[in-house]
Amino acid sequence: LGGRIDRIDVEGNYFDYKRSSLSYDNDINSSTYGEVLGMLPKTGDPNDTSLIENHFSPSLGALYWFNKNTSIFANFSKSIISPTGFQYDVMGKLTPPETGNGKEFGFKFSNQESTINAQLAFFRIDKKNDQKSNLSYPQLQAIYPFENEQFDANGNVISSELYPYSDIIYSAYTEVRDDDGDIIDYTGAVFDPIGTRVANEETRSEGIELDFYYNPSRAVSVFLGYAYLDTTYLKSIIPSLEGLTIPGTSNHNFNAQLKYTFTSGKYKGFFCGLNYKYRSAALLNNYFTDINDDRESDYYPEELDDGTIINPKYFEFKLEDQFSTDAFVGWGGKISKQKGSPSLRIQLNINNVFDDIHLISTGSNNARYTDSRNVTLSSTISF
């Protein structure tokens, strides 16, 4: 049983100094050609760039041993992560801190000789304002369209009006007027939000973790670990996202390690081993189709001329599985035989021995190639 009190006091000094918000002298004959002439009006409300909140995060845990070898445990806790001074929503307001409710229960096993230790855990974490989850630019544009257009029976624009926020998050647009001088449309609008976050989005992560340790002797140790993870949108400003997998999610992760340590003889203190890691293909994004023939993804239901309602459709796109094998060798022990002598540990790692390179997803429309084979040497001295 425990608790934690956090006071969050964040202030962002936001300057709307973005390249797309600048105006330049484009007259090639001008003496100031290419220089900045001015900036668009400063966007956002300065009063929204600070955040002060108090939070209490309780935690509760219990452990019960059925016998000398087997136990059951359960935990409940709340958490909070303070936002940075740069996590603005599209209007320039700092988004609230990330909060979470976590539940976990599982079983532990350890034999009398401590050669086998294992744990099986089931978990669920609900988060609000998850810092790792964010909406894409097309999704933000669907939430905050530039203009409200009215069409005639033939599909031609007859009038157009801007939303109250249009001047804040769109730039570089021009007015289109009819022969009477009335505005009938706008062209060239560039979506230029102050920030890219949306407040109060809720997500859920749940899964299973299995860890198994086997130490048949002081020299040999084996570790096997597996995790299943499912992360979904729980509540979103775009209802069609609710229940869908969050980009960057990999469902299956497996890790295995074998280590041998020389405990006697002239090689005492030396150790070596192998480590294998596997990560199943992660989601790059949920791509929504165009259901109204406007060449844009549609995230909201559309009503056809005959009154038929078409719900949004999407498909998942995942990248490659990821796997690699690492090898390591090192030495650890006392520097000298004198009492109180510091300990030294030196380790050489050959990462990705077989040079397996994969294209993986790290989030919404974010991808990278895994590192190629590389070698690292590290050392630690403990006094």
Protein backbone atom coordinates (compact mmCIF):
# COMPACT_ATOMS: atom_id res chain seq x y z
CA LEU A 1 0.00 0.00 0.00
CA GLY A 2 1.45 3.34 -0.99
CA GLY A 3 0.84 6.64 -2.66
CA ARG A 4 2.57 9.47 -4.43
CA ILE A 5 1.78 13.16 -4.70
CA ASP A 6 2.86 15.08 -7.81
CA ARG A 7 2.65 18.80 -8.40
CA ILE A 8 3.01 19.66 -12.07
CA ASP A 9 4.07 23.17 -12.98
CA VAL A 10 4.88 23.50 -16.67
CA GLU A 11 5.33 26.69 -18.64
CA GLY A 12 6.14 26.82 -22.34
CA ASN A 13 7.66 29.89 -23.96
CA TYR A 14 6.12 29.35 -27.37
CA PHE A 15 7.29 31.39 -30.36
CA ASP A 16 5.36 30.92 -33.57
CA TYR A 17 8.52 30.89 -35.62
CA LYS A 18 7.91 28.24 -38.20
CA ARG A 19 9.22 28.38 -41.72
CA SER A 20 5.74 28.05 -43.20
CA SER A 21 4.61 31.05 -41.15
CA LEU A 22 7.16 33.44 -42.62
CA SER A 23 6.79 35.84 -45.52
CA TYR A 24 9.73 36.61 -47.80
CA ASP A 25 10.68 39.32 -50.28
CA ASN A 26 10.26 37.49 -53.61
CA ASP A 27 11.15 40.45 -55.82
CA ILE A 28 14.40 39.45 -57.52
CA ASN A 29 15.18 43.11 -58.27
CA SER A 30 14.79 44.14 -54.63
CA SER A 31 17.80 44.84 -52.42
CA THR A 32 16.18 42.69 -49.73
CA TYR A 33 15.41 39.74 -52.04
CA GLY A 34 15.08 36.49 -50.08
CA GLU A 35 15.00 38.16 -46.69
CA VAL A 36 12.23 37.76 -44.14
CA LEU A 37 9.78 40.64 -44.35
CA GLY A 38 7.54 39.70 -41.49
CA MET A 39 5.59 37.02 -39.77
CA LEU A 40 2.00 36.07 -39.76
CA PRO A 41 0.12 37.16 -36.65
CA LYS A 42 1.20 35.23 -33.57
CA THR A 43 -1.11 32.29 -33.04
CA GLY A 44 -2.37 30.71 -29.88
CA ASP A 45 -3.31 32.19 -26.52
CA PRO A 46 -0.30 32.94 -24.24
CA ASN A 47 -2.47 32.04 -21.25
CA ASP A 48 -2.68 28.48 -22.56
CA THR A 49 1.07 27.88 -22.48
CA SER A 50 1.22 27.08 -18.76
CA LEU A 51 -0.14 24.19 -16.73
CA ILE A 52 -0.39 23.74 -12.95
CA GLU A 53 -2.00 20.60 -11.48
CA ASN A 54 -1.82 18.44 -8.35
CA HIS A 55 -2.23 14.67 -8.54
CA PHE A 56 -2.34 11.81 -6.04
CA SER A 57 -1.40 8.36 -7.35
CA PRO A 58 -2.23 5.43 -5.02
CA SER A 59 -0.82 1.92 -5.35
CA LEU A 60 -1.92 -1.36 -3.81
CA GLY A 61 -0.33 -4.79 -4.03
CA ALA A 62 -0.72 -8.23 -2.47
CA LEU A 63 1.24 -11.50 -2.52
CA TYR A 64 0.05 -14.89 -1.27
CA TRP A 65 2.14 -18.08 -1.10
CA PHE A 66 0.23 -21.32 -1.66
CA ASN A 67 3.31 -23.25 -0.58
CA LYS A 68 7.10 -22.86 -0.53
CA ASN A 69 7.27 -22.82 -4.31
CA THR A 70 4.17 -21.14 -5.72
CA SER A 71 2.53 -17.78 -5.10
CA ILE A 72 -0.10 -15.49 -6.58
CA PHE A 73 0.17 -11.71 -6.74
CA ALA A 74 -1.97 -8.75 -7.75
CA ASN A 75 -1.26 -5.04 -8.14
CA PHE A 76 -3.22 -1.89 -8.81
CA SER A 77 -1.69 1.53 -9.30
CA LYS A 78 -2.28 4.92 -10.82
CA SER A 79 0.43 6.86 -12.61
CA ILE A 80 1.12 10.28 -14.05
CA ILE A 81 3.73 11.64 -16.46
CA SER A 82 4.24 15.38 -16.73
CA PRO A 83 4.03 16.89 -20.22
CA THR A 84 6.92 18.87 -21.65
CA GLY A 85 6.64 22.55 -22.48
CA PHE A 86 6.23 21.72 -26.17
CA GLN A 87 3.28 19.32 -26.20
CA TYR A 88 0.68 21.67 -27.68
CA ASP A 89 -2.63 20.83 -29.23
CA VAL A 90 -3.45 22.22 -32.66
CA MET A 91 -4.64 25.53 -31.17
CA GLY A 92 -1.51 26.11 -29.09
CA LYS A 93 -2.71 24.94 -25.70
CA LEU A 94 -0.55 22.65 -23.56
CA THR A 95 -2.15 19.23 -23.31
CA PRO A 96 -2.84 17.68 -19.88
CA PRO A 97 -0.41 15.18 -18.31
CA GLU A 98 -0.57 11.50 -19.15
CA THR A 99 -2.46 9.54 -16.51
CA GLY A 100 -2.88 5.79 -16.21
CA ASN A 101 -4.62 3.04 -14.29
CA GLY A 102 -2.74 -0.24 -14.18
CA LYS A 103 -3.93 -3.68 -13.08
CA GLU A 104 -1.80 -6.82 -12.91
CA PHE A 105 -2.08 -10.29 -11.49
CA GLY A 106 -0.12 -13.45 -11.96
CA PHE A 107 1.79 -16.39 -10.54
CA LYS A 108 5.36 -16.97 -9.41
CA PHE A 109 7.24 -20.25 -9.09
CA SER A 110 10.64 -20.99 -7.54
CA ASN A 111 11.97 -24.42 -6.63
CA GLN A 112 13.83 -25.15 -3.40
CA GLU A 113 17.23 -25.14 -5.08
CA SER A 114 16.48 -21.81 -6.83
CA THR A 115 17.57 -23.33 -10.12
CA ILE A 116 14.19 -22.54 -11.66
CA ASN A 117 12.34 -19.23 -11.33
CA ALA A 118 9.31 -18.38 -13.40
CA GLN A 119 6.60 -15.74 -13.54
CA LEU A 120 3.38 -15.47 -15.52
CA ALA A 121 1.64 -12.08 -15.44
CA PHE A 122 -1.56 -10.70 -16.98
CA PHE A 123 -1.85 -6.90 -17.20
CA ARG A 124 -4.09 -4.08 -18.38
CA ILE A 125 -3.15 -0.39 -18.48
CA ASP A 126 -5.63 2.33 -19.43
CA LYS A 127 -4.07 5.69 -20.29
CA LYS A 128 -5.41 9.16 -20.94
CA ASN A 129 -3.33 11.60 -23.00
CA ASP A 130 -0.85 8.84 -23.85
CA GLN A 131 2.37 10.63 -24.87
CA LYS A 132 3.32 7.82 -27.26
CA SER A 133 0.02 7.92 -29.11
CA ASN A 134 -0.80 10.70 -31.50
CA LEU A 135 -3.00 11.37 -34.51
CA SER A 136 -1.67 11.83 -38.03
CA TYR A 137 -1.91 15.05 -40.04
CA PRO A 138 -4.74 13.72 -42.28
CA GLN A 139 -6.68 12.74 -39.16
CA LEU A 140 -6.16 16.19 -37.63
CA GLN A 141 -7.33 17.82 -40.85
CA ALA A 142 -10.46 15.66 -40.78
CA ILE A 143 -11.17 16.90 -37.25
CA TYR A 144 -10.43 20.53 -38.14
CA PRO A 145 -11.41 21.11 -41.80
CA PHE A 146 -10.41 24.42 -43.36
CA GLU A 147 -13.76 25.62 -44.68
CA ASN A 148 -17.47 24.85 -44.71
CA GLU A 149 -18.52 24.67 -48.34
CA GLN A 150 -22.06 24.72 -49.75
CA PHE A 151 -22.76 23.07 -53.10
CA ASP A 152 -25.51 23.32 -55.70
CA ALA A 153 -27.35 20.36 -57.23
CA ASN A 154 -24.55 19.88 -59.76
CA GLY A 155 -21.85 19.72 -57.12
CA ASN A 156 -20.50 23.22 -57.75
CA VAL A 157 -19.39 25.40 -54.82
CA ILE A 158 -21.86 28.25 -54.31
CA SER A 159 -20.55 29.58 -50.99
CA SER A 160 -17.80 28.96 -48.50
CA GLU A 161 -17.11 30.19 -45.00
CA LEU A 162 -14.21 29.66 -42.64
CA TYR A 163 -14.41 28.17 -39.19
CA PRO A 164 -13.41 30.29 -36.16
CA TYR A 165 -10.11 28.37 -35.90
CA SER A 166 -9.18 28.49 -39.60
CA ASP A 167 -6.98 31.59 -39.31
CA ILE A 168 -5.08 29.97 -36.45
CA ILE A 169 -4.15 26.62 -37.94
CA TYR A 170 -4.22 27.32 -41.71
CA SER A 171 -2.03 29.68 -43.67
CA ALA A 172 -1.13 30.83 -47.21
CA TYR A 173 -4.70 30.74 -48.53
CA THR A 174 -6.30 33.20 -50.95
CA GLU A 175 -9.91 34.23 -51.50
CA VAL A 176 -11.89 33.41 -54.61
CA ARG A 177 -14.59 35.98 -55.42
CA ASP A 178 -17.42 36.08 -57.92
CA ASP A 179 -18.25 38.97 -60.27
CA ASP A 180 -20.07 40.74 -57.43
CA GLY A 181 -17.01 40.58 -55.19
CA ASP A 182 -18.48 38.01 -52.81
CA ILE A 183 -16.23 35.28 -51.47
CA ILE A 184 -17.27 31.93 -52.90
CA ASP A 185 -14.21 29.83 -52.16
CA TYR A 186 -10.62 29.73 -50.87
CA THR A 187 -7.55 28.17 -52.46
CA GLY A 188 -4.01 27.28 -51.45
CA ALA A 189 -4.72 26.64 -47.77
CA VAL A 190 -1.81 24.99 -45.92
CA PHE A 191 -2.56 23.05 -42.75
CA ASP A 192 -0.14 24.55 -40.24
CA PRO A 193 -1.23 23.66 -36.67
CA ILE A 194 0.65 25.02 -33.70
CA GLY A 195 0.93 21.54 -32.20
CA THR A 196 -0.05 18.03 -33.22
CA ARG A 197 -1.65 16.63 -30.10
CA VAL A 198 -5.31 16.22 -29.17
CA ALA A 199 -6.27 16.20 -25.50
CA ASN A 200 -8.19 13.46 -23.68
CA GLU A 201 -7.54 10.59 -26.11
CA GLU A 202 -7.71 7.28 -24.23
CA THR A 203 -5.81 4.07 -24.98
CA ARG A 204 -5.61 0.57 -23.54
CA SER A 205 -2.63 -1.82 -23.37
CA GLU A 206 -3.18 -5.37 -22.23
CA GLY A 207 -1.36 -8.62 -22.55
CA ILE A 208 0.62 -11.45 -21.03
CA GLU A 209 4.25 -11.72 -19.91
CA LEU A 210 6.08 -14.98 -19.24
CA ASP A 211 9.63 -15.06 -17.80
CA PHE A 212 11.57 -18.28 -17.21
CA TYR A 213 15.03 -18.51 -15.60
CA TYR A 214 16.99 -21.76 -15.41
CA ASN A 215 20.31 -21.94 -13.56
CA PRO A 216 21.38 -25.60 -13.37
CA SER A 217 24.77 -24.55 -11.99
CA ARG A 218 26.76 -21.47 -11.04
CA ALA A 219 28.29 -21.53 -14.51
CA VAL A 220 25.21 -21.84 -16.72
CA SER A 221 22.19 -19.57 -16.90
CA VAL A 222 19.28 -19.62 -19.33
CA PHE A 223 16.55 -17.03 -19.79
CA LEU A 224 13.40 -17.28 -21.91
CA GLY A 225 10.94 -14.43 -22.14
CA TYR A 226 7.72 -13.97 -24.10
CA ALA A 227 5.20 -11.14 -24.17
CA TYR A 228 1.91 -10.67 -25.97
CA LEU A 229 0.75 -7.06 -26.25
CA ASP A 230 -2.42 -5.52 -27.66
CA THR A 231 -2.80 -1.73 -27.64
CA THR A 232 -5.99 -0.07 -28.88
CA TYR A 233 -7.76 3.26 -28.98
CA LEU A 234 -10.27 3.19 -26.16
CA LYS A 235 -11.84 6.62 -26.68
CA SER A 236 -11.07 9.06 -29.47
CA ILE A 237 -12.31 12.30 -30.97
CA ILE A 238 -12.55 10.19 -34.15
CA PRO A 239 -15.04 7.43 -33.19
CA SER A 240 -13.99 5.21 -36.10
CA LEU A 241 -10.57 4.75 -34.43
CA GLU A 242 -12.03 3.27 -31.26
CA GLY A 243 -11.11 -0.39 -30.94
CA LEU A 244 -8.40 -0.19 -33.61
CA THR A 245 -4.76 -1.09 -32.98
CA ILE A 246 -2.41 1.81 -32.23
CA PRO A 247 0.37 2.23 -34.83
CA GLY A 248 3.74 0.90 -33.70
CA THR A 249 2.19 -2.03 -31.84
CA SER A 250 3.96 -5.38 -32.11
CA ASN A 251 1.86 -8.25 -30.76
CA HIS A 252 4.58 -10.81 -30.10
CA ASN A 253 8.00 -10.38 -28.49
CA PHE A 254 10.40 -13.20 -27.65
CA ASN A 255 13.83 -13.09 -26.02
CA ALA A 256 16.24 -15.93 -25.22
CA GLN A 257 19.67 -15.76 -23.61
CA LEU A 258 22.32 -18.38 -22.84
CA LYS A 259 25.28 -17.42 -20.66
CA TYR A 260 28.28 -19.38 -19.44
CA THR A 261 30.59 -18.13 -16.68
CA PHE A 262 33.96 -19.68 -15.83
CA THR A 263 33.93 -20.13 -12.06
CA SER A 264 37.34 -21.76 -11.55
CA GLY A 265 40.69 -22.31 -13.20
CA LYS A 266 42.81 -19.88 -15.15
CA TYR A 267 39.75 -18.51 -16.99
CA LYS A 268 37.87 -17.70 -13.76
CA GLY A 269 35.86 -14.51 -14.15
CA PHE A 270 35.45 -14.81 -17.91
CA PHE A 271 31.96 -15.20 -19.36
CA CYS A 272 30.36 -15.50 -22.79
CA GLY A 273 26.92 -15.93 -24.23
CA LEU A 274 24.31 -15.47 -26.94
CA ASN A 275 21.10 -13.47 -27.01
CA TYR A 276 18.27 -13.86 -29.54
CA LYS A 277 15.46 -11.31 -29.95
CA TYR A 278 12.30 -11.52 -32.05
CA ARG A 279 9.60 -8.86 -32.55
CA SER A 280 6.61 -9.55 -34.77
CA ALA A 281 5.64 -7.15 -37.54
CA ALA A 282 4.39 -3.86 -36.08
CA LEU A 283 1.53 -1.79 -37.42
CA LEU A 284 2.54 1.22 -39.52
CA ASN A 285 -0.98 2.65 -39.55
CA ASN A 286 -4.68 2.10 -40.12
CA TYR A 287 -5.28 3.54 -43.59
CA PHE A 288 -8.82 4.72 -44.26
CA THR A 289 -10.27 4.62 -47.76
CA ASP A 290 -11.95 7.38 -49.77
CA ILE A 291 -15.69 6.78 -49.68
CA ASN A 292 -16.93 10.06 -51.21
CA ASP A 293 -14.53 10.39 -54.18
CA ASP A 294 -12.78 13.53 -52.92
CA ARG A 295 -9.32 11.84 -53.01
CA GLU A 296 -9.02 12.11 -49.22
CA SER A 297 -9.24 9.50 -46.48
CA ASP A 298 -12.64 9.55 -44.77
CA TYR A 299 -12.85 8.99 -41.01
CA TYR A 300 -16.51 9.88 -40.53
CA PRO A 301 -19.69 8.37 -42.04
CA GLU A 302 -20.80 9.91 -45.36
CA GLU A 303 -24.35 10.37 -46.59
CA LEU A 304 -24.94 9.85 -50.30
CA ASP A 305 -27.45 11.79 -52.38
CA ASP A 306 -29.99 8.98 -51.98
CA GLY A 307 -29.69 9.13 -48.19
CA THR A 308 -27.55 6.00 -47.87
CA ILE A 309 -25.03 6.16 -45.02
CA ILE A 310 -21.57 4.69 -45.72
CA ASN A 311 -19.37 4.00 -42.73
CA PRO A 312 -15.59 4.49 -42.86
CA LYS A 313 -13.50 1.57 -44.14
CA TYR A 314 -9.86 0.91 -43.42
CA PHE A 315 -7.06 -1.59 -43.82
CA GLU A 316 -4.03 -2.34 -41.66
CA PHE A 317 -0.50 -2.14 -43.01
CA LYS A 318 2.30 -3.82 -41.12
CA LEU A 319 6.01 -3.84 -41.90
CA GLU A 320 8.55 -6.63 -41.33
CA ASP A 321 9.24 -9.01 -38.50
CA GLN A 322 12.39 -8.14 -36.58
CA PHE A 323 14.94 -10.63 -35.28
CA SER A 324 18.62 -10.51 -34.37
CA THR A 325 21.30 -12.55 -32.62
CA ASP A 326 23.86 -10.92 -30.34
CA ALA A 327 27.05 -12.42 -28.90
CA PHE A 328 29.05 -11.21 -25.95
CA VAL A 329 32.23 -12.07 -24.06
CA GLY A 330 33.80 -10.40 -21.06
CA TRP A 331 35.57 -10.61 -17.74
CA GLY A 332 34.62 -9.46 -14.28
CA GLY A 333 36.38 -9.56 -10.94
CA LYS A 334 38.55 -7.77 -8.40
CA ILE A 335 41.41 -5.71 -9.76
CA SER A 336 43.74 -7.00 -7.03
CA LYS A 337 43.66 -9.38 -4.06
CA GLN A 338 43.84 -6.56 -1.53
CA LYS A 339 40.85 -6.11 0.76
CA GLY A 340 38.45 -3.47 -0.52
CA SER A 341 39.92 -3.57 -4.00
CA PRO A 342 37.55 -2.16 -6.67
CA SER A 343 35.83 -4.48 -9.13
CA LEU A 344 36.30 -4.27 -12.87
CA ARG A 345 33.97 -5.51 -15.59
CA ILE A 346 34.84 -5.48 -19.29
CA GLN A 347 32.44 -6.67 -21.98
CA LEU A 348 32.65 -6.93 -25.78
CA ASN A 349 29.33 -7.12 -27.65
CA ILE A 350 28.81 -8.14 -31.26
CA ASN A 351 25.31 -6.94 -31.99
CA ASN A 352 23.31 -8.43 -34.85
CA VAL A 353 25.90 -11.09 -35.63
CA PHE A 354 24.21 -12.26 -38.85
CA ASP A 355 23.57 -8.70 -40.05
CA ASP A 356 19.78 -9.14 -40.28
CA ILE A 357 18.34 -5.79 -41.35
CA HIS A 358 14.59 -5.18 -41.27
CA LEU A 359 12.23 -2.29 -41.98
CA ILE A 360 10.14 -1.82 -38.85
CA SER A 361 7.38 0.49 -37.66
CA THR A 362 7.99 2.74 -34.66
CA GLY A 363 4.68 4.62 -34.72
CA SER A 364 2.12 6.31 -36.93
CA ASN A 365 3.69 6.47 -40.42
CA ASN A 366 7.13 6.26 -38.83
CA ALA A 367 9.51 3.56 -40.01
CA ARG A 368 13.22 2.84 -39.84
CA TYR A 369 15.72 0.16 -40.68
CA THR A 370 17.22 -1.79 -37.80
CA ASP A 371 20.91 -1.35 -37.07
CA SER A 372 23.39 -3.40 -39.03
CA ARG A 373 26.10 -5.49 -37.39
CA ASN A 374 28.12 -3.43 -34.91
CA VAL A 375 30.62 -3.96 -32.10
CA THR A 376 30.68 -2.21 -28.73
CA LEU A 377 33.18 -2.36 -25.89
CA SER A 378 32.22 -1.25 -22.40
CA SER A 379 33.86 -1.26 -18.98
CA THR A 380 32.71 -0.52 -15.45
CA ILE A 381 34.66 0.04 -12.24
CA SER A 382 32.83 -0.37 -8.93
CA PHE A 383 34.38 0.90 -5.69
